[in-house]
């Protein structure tokens, strides 16, 4: 793939794409050939308890070139795009050339377009939002949003709906209004090599199935069991794709085959949402068609 890319010696590199599309492998190849430090832009790979199920780089890969912002957040901690952006700031100047890679599109848009400085959400509002989301109140939250925020929000994503509802509830202003006052970006797109991996659906689905099998062989079920044992089921880290389905198997609610089928479907659905979001929001990125 690198023979088709014109990578300069110093410009930051951004690599986005759906799950299982080969982002980490491409980042490692670029770092080894052209130099740089790999910085994580995946909202689940930041958590300490997930290496296998989130497909974090292996210890061997991490030893080959510098890797940053991987597995450094406790499983019971909250972590947001604002946290990530603040951690990235010093790495843009104090580290080797940054190669920022991941599947969390919101991290990339915050980095290249700016992030609204929204006040912290009180715990009481967060608890109210959790209760609505898990108790069948998603439509109630959607209906409470102002028109501009509702238009901008991915209404099929309960966590995005809850976030928008919480901001409006806590601040009295819609998320769209906060976003309208966004400061300048830390890293404008024009200063980067911005690469978007655009995978064929059937090719990607085959890779998702093969990778889940490999994860199971590597101990993904034990990883989920360890997280359940530490009482992390209600924390944001428990939303790792495939974790709820494997946890249901460990609780005896699904047999192994059912859990694997459900996890595969959940991963495919997640990849579809990613592809849709990337194509809508990353039109200025260099598209690399896979395979």
Protein backbone atom coordinates (compact mmCIF):
# COMPACT_ATOMS: atom_id res chain seq x y z
CA UNK A 1 0.00 0.00 0.00
CA UNK A 2 2.81 2.42 0.80
CA UNK A 3 4.03 2.53 -2.80
CA UNK A 4 0.90 4.54 -3.64
CA UNK A 5 1.35 7.05 -0.80
CA UNK A 6 3.47 10.18 -0.84
CA UNK A 7 4.48 10.48 2.83
CA UNK A 8 6.73 13.41 3.69
CA UNK A 9 9.38 13.24 6.38
CA UNK A 10 7.75 15.52 8.93
CA UNK A 11 4.01 16.09 8.36
CA UNK A 12 1.65 14.37 10.82
CA UNK A 13 -0.20 11.33 9.47
CA UNK A 14 -3.83 10.57 10.30
CA UNK A 15 -5.25 7.10 9.58
CA UNK A 16 -8.97 6.46 10.02
CA UNK A 17 -11.13 3.57 8.93
CA UNK A 18 -13.65 0.98 10.10
CA UNK A 19 -12.80 -1.77 12.52
CA UNK A 20 -10.69 -4.65 11.11
CA UNK A 21 -9.62 -2.63 8.05
CA UNK A 22 -5.88 -2.79 8.83
CA UNK A 23 -5.28 0.68 10.28
CA UNK A 24 -2.79 -0.39 12.93
CA UNK A 25 -0.74 -2.42 10.45
CA UNK A 26 -0.53 0.55 8.09
CA UNK A 27 0.47 2.88 10.93
CA UNK A 28 3.24 0.50 11.98
CA UNK A 29 4.51 0.20 8.41
CA UNK A 30 4.63 3.99 8.00
CA UNK A 31 6.37 4.45 11.35
CA UNK A 32 9.00 1.83 10.58
CA UNK A 33 9.70 3.12 7.07
CA UNK A 34 9.39 6.88 7.52
CA UNK A 35 9.67 7.41 11.28
CA UNK A 36 7.18 8.62 13.84
CA UNK A 37 5.27 7.72 16.98
CA UNK A 38 1.88 5.99 16.79
CA UNK A 39 -0.87 7.70 18.79
CA UNK A 40 -4.13 5.97 19.53
CA UNK A 41 -7.43 7.50 18.39
CA UNK A 42 -9.75 4.68 19.42
CA UNK A 43 -12.05 5.30 22.38
CA UNK A 44 -11.88 1.70 23.64
CA UNK A 45 -8.18 1.04 23.13
CA UNK A 46 -7.37 3.64 25.79
CA UNK A 47 -8.63 1.28 28.53
CA UNK A 48 -6.19 -0.88 30.45
CA UNK A 49 -8.36 -4.00 30.56
CA UNK A 50 -8.89 -4.38 26.83
CA UNK A 51 -6.07 -5.57 24.65
CA UNK A 52 -7.48 -8.62 22.89
CA UNK A 53 -11.10 -7.61 22.31
CA UNK A 54 -10.26 -4.10 21.07
CA UNK A 55 -7.40 -5.37 18.85
CA UNK A 56 -4.81 -3.18 20.51
CA UNK A 57 -1.31 -3.47 19.03
CA UNK A 58 0.60 -6.42 20.43
CA UNK A 59 3.45 -5.91 22.91
CA UNK A 60 5.82 -6.93 20.12
CA UNK A 61 4.48 -4.19 17.80
CA UNK A 62 4.56 -1.66 20.62
CA UNK A 63 8.24 -2.46 21.13
CA UNK A 64 9.10 -1.75 17.47
CA UNK A 65 8.11 1.93 17.48
CA UNK A 66 6.74 4.30 20.15
CA UNK A 67 3.03 3.80 20.88
CA UNK A 68 1.10 6.35 22.96
CA UNK A 69 -2.34 6.61 24.62
CA UNK A 70 -2.93 2.85 24.58
CA UNK A 71 -4.24 1.03 27.66
CA UNK A 72 -3.47 3.86 30.05
CA UNK A 73 -6.96 4.57 31.45
CA UNK A 74 -8.47 2.48 34.30
CA UNK A 75 -11.55 0.45 33.37
CA UNK A 76 -13.75 2.32 35.86
CA UNK A 77 -12.82 5.80 34.60
CA UNK A 78 -14.79 8.04 32.30
CA UNK A 79 -12.97 9.15 29.16
CA UNK A 80 -14.22 11.57 26.54
CA UNK A 81 -13.06 13.25 23.37
CA UNK A 82 -12.10 16.23 25.53
CA UNK A 83 -9.82 14.05 27.66
CA UNK A 84 -8.24 12.63 24.53
CA UNK A 85 -7.69 16.00 22.91
CA UNK A 86 -5.97 17.37 26.01
CA UNK A 87 -3.66 14.34 26.11
CA UNK A 88 -2.80 14.71 22.43
CA UNK A 89 -1.75 18.37 22.68
CA UNK A 90 1.80 17.82 24.04
CA UNK A 91 2.33 14.81 21.76
CA UNK A 92 1.97 17.00 18.68
CA UNK A 93 5.19 18.82 19.53
CA UNK A 94 7.08 16.83 22.16
CA UNK A 95 6.99 13.41 20.45
CA UNK A 96 8.40 12.20 17.13
CA UNK A 97 6.24 12.87 14.07
CA UNK A 98 2.71 11.84 15.15
CA UNK A 99 0.94 9.03 13.32
CA UNK A 100 -2.57 9.18 14.75
CA UNK A 101 -4.62 6.06 14.07
CA UNK A 102 -8.04 4.81 15.11
CA UNK A 103 -11.69 4.30 14.37
CA UNK A 104 -13.27 6.99 16.54
CA UNK A 105 -14.21 9.60 13.99
CA UNK A 106 -15.18 12.17 16.62
CA UNK A 107 -11.58 12.26 17.86
CA UNK A 108 -10.35 13.15 14.39
CA UNK A 109 -12.94 15.84 13.78
CA UNK A 110 -12.17 17.39 17.18
CA UNK A 111 -8.49 17.40 16.28
CA UNK A 112 -8.84 18.79 12.75
CA UNK A 113 -11.97 20.94 13.10
CA UNK A 114 -11.95 21.99 16.75
CA UNK A 115 -13.89 20.95 19.85
CA UNK A 116 -16.56 22.95 21.67
CA UNK A 117 -15.53 23.76 25.26
CA UNK A 118 -18.58 22.32 27.00
CA UNK A 119 -18.64 22.42 30.84
CA UNK A 120 -18.41 19.09 32.69
CA UNK A 121 -21.72 17.27 33.09
CA UNK A 122 -22.84 16.86 36.75
CA UNK A 123 -23.01 13.29 38.01
CA UNK A 124 -26.73 13.68 38.77
CA UNK A 125 -27.50 14.57 35.14
CA UNK A 126 -25.31 11.70 33.92
CA UNK A 127 -27.22 9.29 36.18
CA UNK A 128 -30.55 10.61 34.90
CA UNK A 129 -29.36 10.15 31.32
CA UNK A 130 -28.17 6.61 32.05
CA UNK A 131 -31.57 5.75 33.53
CA UNK A 132 -33.41 7.09 30.50
CA UNK A 133 -31.14 5.35 27.99
CA UNK A 134 -31.30 1.94 29.70
CA UNK A 135 -34.96 2.27 30.70
CA UNK A 136 -36.49 2.80 27.28
CA UNK A 137 -36.39 6.60 27.34
CA UNK A 138 -34.35 7.13 24.17
CA UNK A 139 -37.26 8.70 22.27
CA UNK A 140 -37.91 10.98 25.23
CA UNK A 141 -34.32 12.23 25.07
CA UNK A 142 -34.51 12.69 21.29
CA UNK A 143 -37.74 14.67 21.56
CA UNK A 144 -36.18 16.94 24.18
CA UNK A 145 -33.37 18.04 21.84
CA UNK A 146 -33.57 21.31 19.95
CA UNK A 147 -34.03 21.04 16.20
CA UNK A 148 -30.46 21.99 15.28
CA UNK A 149 -28.96 19.47 17.71
CA UNK A 150 -31.36 16.74 16.61
CA UNK A 151 -30.31 17.25 12.99
CA UNK A 152 -26.60 16.95 13.84
CA UNK A 153 -26.89 13.95 16.17
CA UNK A 154 -26.64 10.30 15.11
CA UNK A 155 -30.05 9.31 16.47
CA UNK A 156 -29.28 5.61 15.98
CA UNK A 157 -26.45 5.86 18.50
CA UNK A 158 -27.90 5.90 22.05
CA UNK A 159 -24.69 7.22 23.58
CA UNK A 160 -24.60 10.18 21.18
CA UNK A 161 -28.25 10.93 21.95
CA UNK A 162 -27.56 10.75 25.67
CA UNK A 163 -24.57 13.06 25.35
CA UNK A 164 -26.62 15.66 23.47
CA UNK A 165 -29.44 15.38 25.99
CA UNK A 166 -27.06 15.74 28.94
CA UNK A 167 -25.46 18.88 27.51
CA UNK A 168 -28.84 20.49 26.98
CA UNK A 169 -30.09 19.42 30.39
CA UNK A 170 -26.99 20.59 32.24
CA UNK A 171 -26.22 23.85 30.43
CA UNK A 172 -29.57 25.02 29.10
CA UNK A 173 -28.05 25.24 25.62
CA UNK A 174 -28.25 22.74 22.81
CA UNK A 175 -25.13 20.88 21.73
CA UNK A 176 -25.38 22.51 18.29
CA UNK A 177 -25.06 25.96 19.85
CA UNK A 178 -21.97 24.90 21.80
CA UNK A 179 -20.48 23.45 18.65
CA UNK A 180 -21.13 26.74 16.87
CA UNK A 181 -18.67 28.42 19.26
CA UNK A 182 -15.90 25.94 18.53
CA UNK A 183 -12.29 27.26 18.81
CA UNK A 184 -9.73 26.77 16.01
CA UNK A 185 -8.48 23.20 15.48
CA UNK A 186 -5.22 21.97 16.96
CA UNK A 187 -4.18 20.28 13.73
CA UNK A 188 -5.86 21.60 10.54
CA UNK A 189 -6.35 18.96 7.90
CA UNK A 190 -4.22 20.88 5.40
CA UNK A 191 -1.13 20.25 7.55
CA UNK A 192 -1.54 16.46 7.57
CA UNK A 193 -1.47 13.35 5.46
CA UNK A 194 -5.08 12.32 6.18
CA UNK A 195 -5.74 8.74 5.04
CA UNK A 196 -9.17 7.10 5.13
CA UNK A 197 -9.36 3.34 4.60
CA UNK A 198 -12.58 2.59 2.69
CA UNK A 199 -13.25 -1.13 2.84
CA UNK A 200 -15.56 -3.24 0.68
CA UNK A 201 -18.35 -4.60 2.88
CA UNK A 202 -17.96 -8.29 2.04
CA UNK A 203 -14.17 -8.15 2.37
CA UNK A 204 -14.48 -6.38 5.71
CA UNK A 205 -17.13 -8.76 7.04
CA UNK A 206 -14.85 -11.72 6.29
CA UNK A 207 -12.01 -10.03 8.18
CA UNK A 208 -14.31 -9.28 11.11
CA UNK A 209 -15.30 -12.94 11.40
CA UNK A 210 -11.71 -14.16 11.12
CA UNK A 211 -10.49 -11.63 13.65
CA UNK A 212 -13.17 -12.57 16.19
CA UNK A 213 -12.13 -16.21 15.89
CA UNK A 214 -8.51 -15.18 16.47
CA UNK A 215 -9.55 -13.09 19.48
CA UNK A 216 -11.32 -16.07 21.01
CA UNK A 217 -8.24 -18.23 20.49
CA UNK A 218 -6.12 -15.50 22.13
CA UNK A 219 -8.26 -15.39 25.29
CA UNK A 220 -10.98 -12.79 24.67
CA UNK A 221 -13.43 -14.69 26.87
CA UNK A 222 -10.98 -14.63 29.79
CA UNK A 223 -10.50 -10.91 29.23
CA UNK A 224 -14.24 -10.30 29.47
CA UNK A 225 -14.45 -12.54 32.54
CA UNK A 226 -11.71 -10.52 34.27
CA UNK A 227 -13.50 -7.26 33.60
CA UNK A 228 -16.78 -8.62 34.92
CA UNK A 229 -15.01 -9.84 38.04
CA UNK A 230 -13.83 -6.31 38.76
CA UNK A 231 -17.35 -4.90 38.47
CA UNK A 232 -16.84 -2.83 35.34
CA UNK A 233 -20.05 -3.85 33.55
CA UNK A 234 -21.72 -0.45 34.04
CA UNK A 235 -18.76 1.71 33.05
CA UNK A 236 -18.19 3.17 29.56
CA UNK A 237 -15.32 0.73 29.03
CA UNK A 238 -17.83 -2.14 29.02
CA UNK A 239 -19.17 -0.87 25.67
CA UNK A 240 -16.26 -2.47 23.79
CA UNK A 241 -17.70 -4.13 20.70
CA UNK A 242 -18.37 -7.80 21.43
CA UNK A 243 -18.04 -7.44 25.20
CA UNK A 244 -21.78 -7.41 26.04
CA UNK A 245 -22.40 -10.53 23.94
CA UNK A 246 -19.51 -12.48 25.46
CA UNK A 247 -20.54 -11.31 28.92
CA UNK A 248 -24.04 -12.68 28.25
CA UNK A 249 -22.46 -16.05 27.45
CA UNK A 250 -20.50 -16.00 30.70
CA UNK A 251 -23.72 -15.28 32.60
CA UNK A 252 -25.37 -18.29 30.94
CA UNK A 253 -27.78 -16.21 28.85
CA UNK A 254 -26.32 -17.30 25.48
CA UNK A 255 -24.42 -20.39 24.43
CA UNK A 256 -21.00 -19.92 22.86
CA UNK A 257 -22.23 -20.08 19.27
CA UNK A 258 -25.03 -17.61 19.92
CA UNK A 259 -22.64 -15.22 21.62
CA UNK A 260 -20.16 -15.37 18.75
CA UNK A 261 -22.92 -14.82 16.19
CA UNK A 262 -24.25 -11.86 18.16
CA UNK A 263 -20.77 -10.38 18.58
CA UNK A 264 -20.11 -10.76 14.86
CA UNK A 265 -23.37 -9.01 14.00
CA UNK A 266 -22.65 -6.21 16.49
CA UNK A 267 -19.20 -5.69 14.99
CA UNK A 268 -20.57 -5.61 11.44
CA UNK A 269 -23.20 -3.08 12.47
CA UNK A 270 -20.55 -0.96 14.15
CA UNK A 271 -18.39 -1.07 11.02
CA UNK A 272 -21.37 0.00 8.92
CA UNK A 273 -21.97 3.00 11.20
CA UNK A 274 -18.29 3.89 10.98
CA UNK A 275 -18.25 3.73 7.17
CA UNK A 276 -21.38 5.88 6.95
CA UNK A 277 -19.95 8.46 9.36
CA UNK A 278 -16.55 8.60 7.67
CA UNK A 279 -18.02 9.04 4.20
CA UNK A 280 -20.24 11.88 5.42
CA UNK A 281 -17.72 13.71 7.58
CA UNK A 282 -14.31 13.02 6.01
CA UNK A 283 -14.75 14.11 2.42
CA UNK A 284 -11.42 15.96 2.45
CA UNK A 285 -9.37 12.87 3.38
CA UNK A 286 -7.38 10.77 0.92
CA UNK A 287 -9.51 7.69 0.36
CA UNK A 288 -7.76 4.34 0.08
CA UNK A 289 -10.02 1.63 -1.32
CA UNK A 290 -9.60 -1.86 0.17
CA UNK A 291 -8.77 -4.55 -0.68
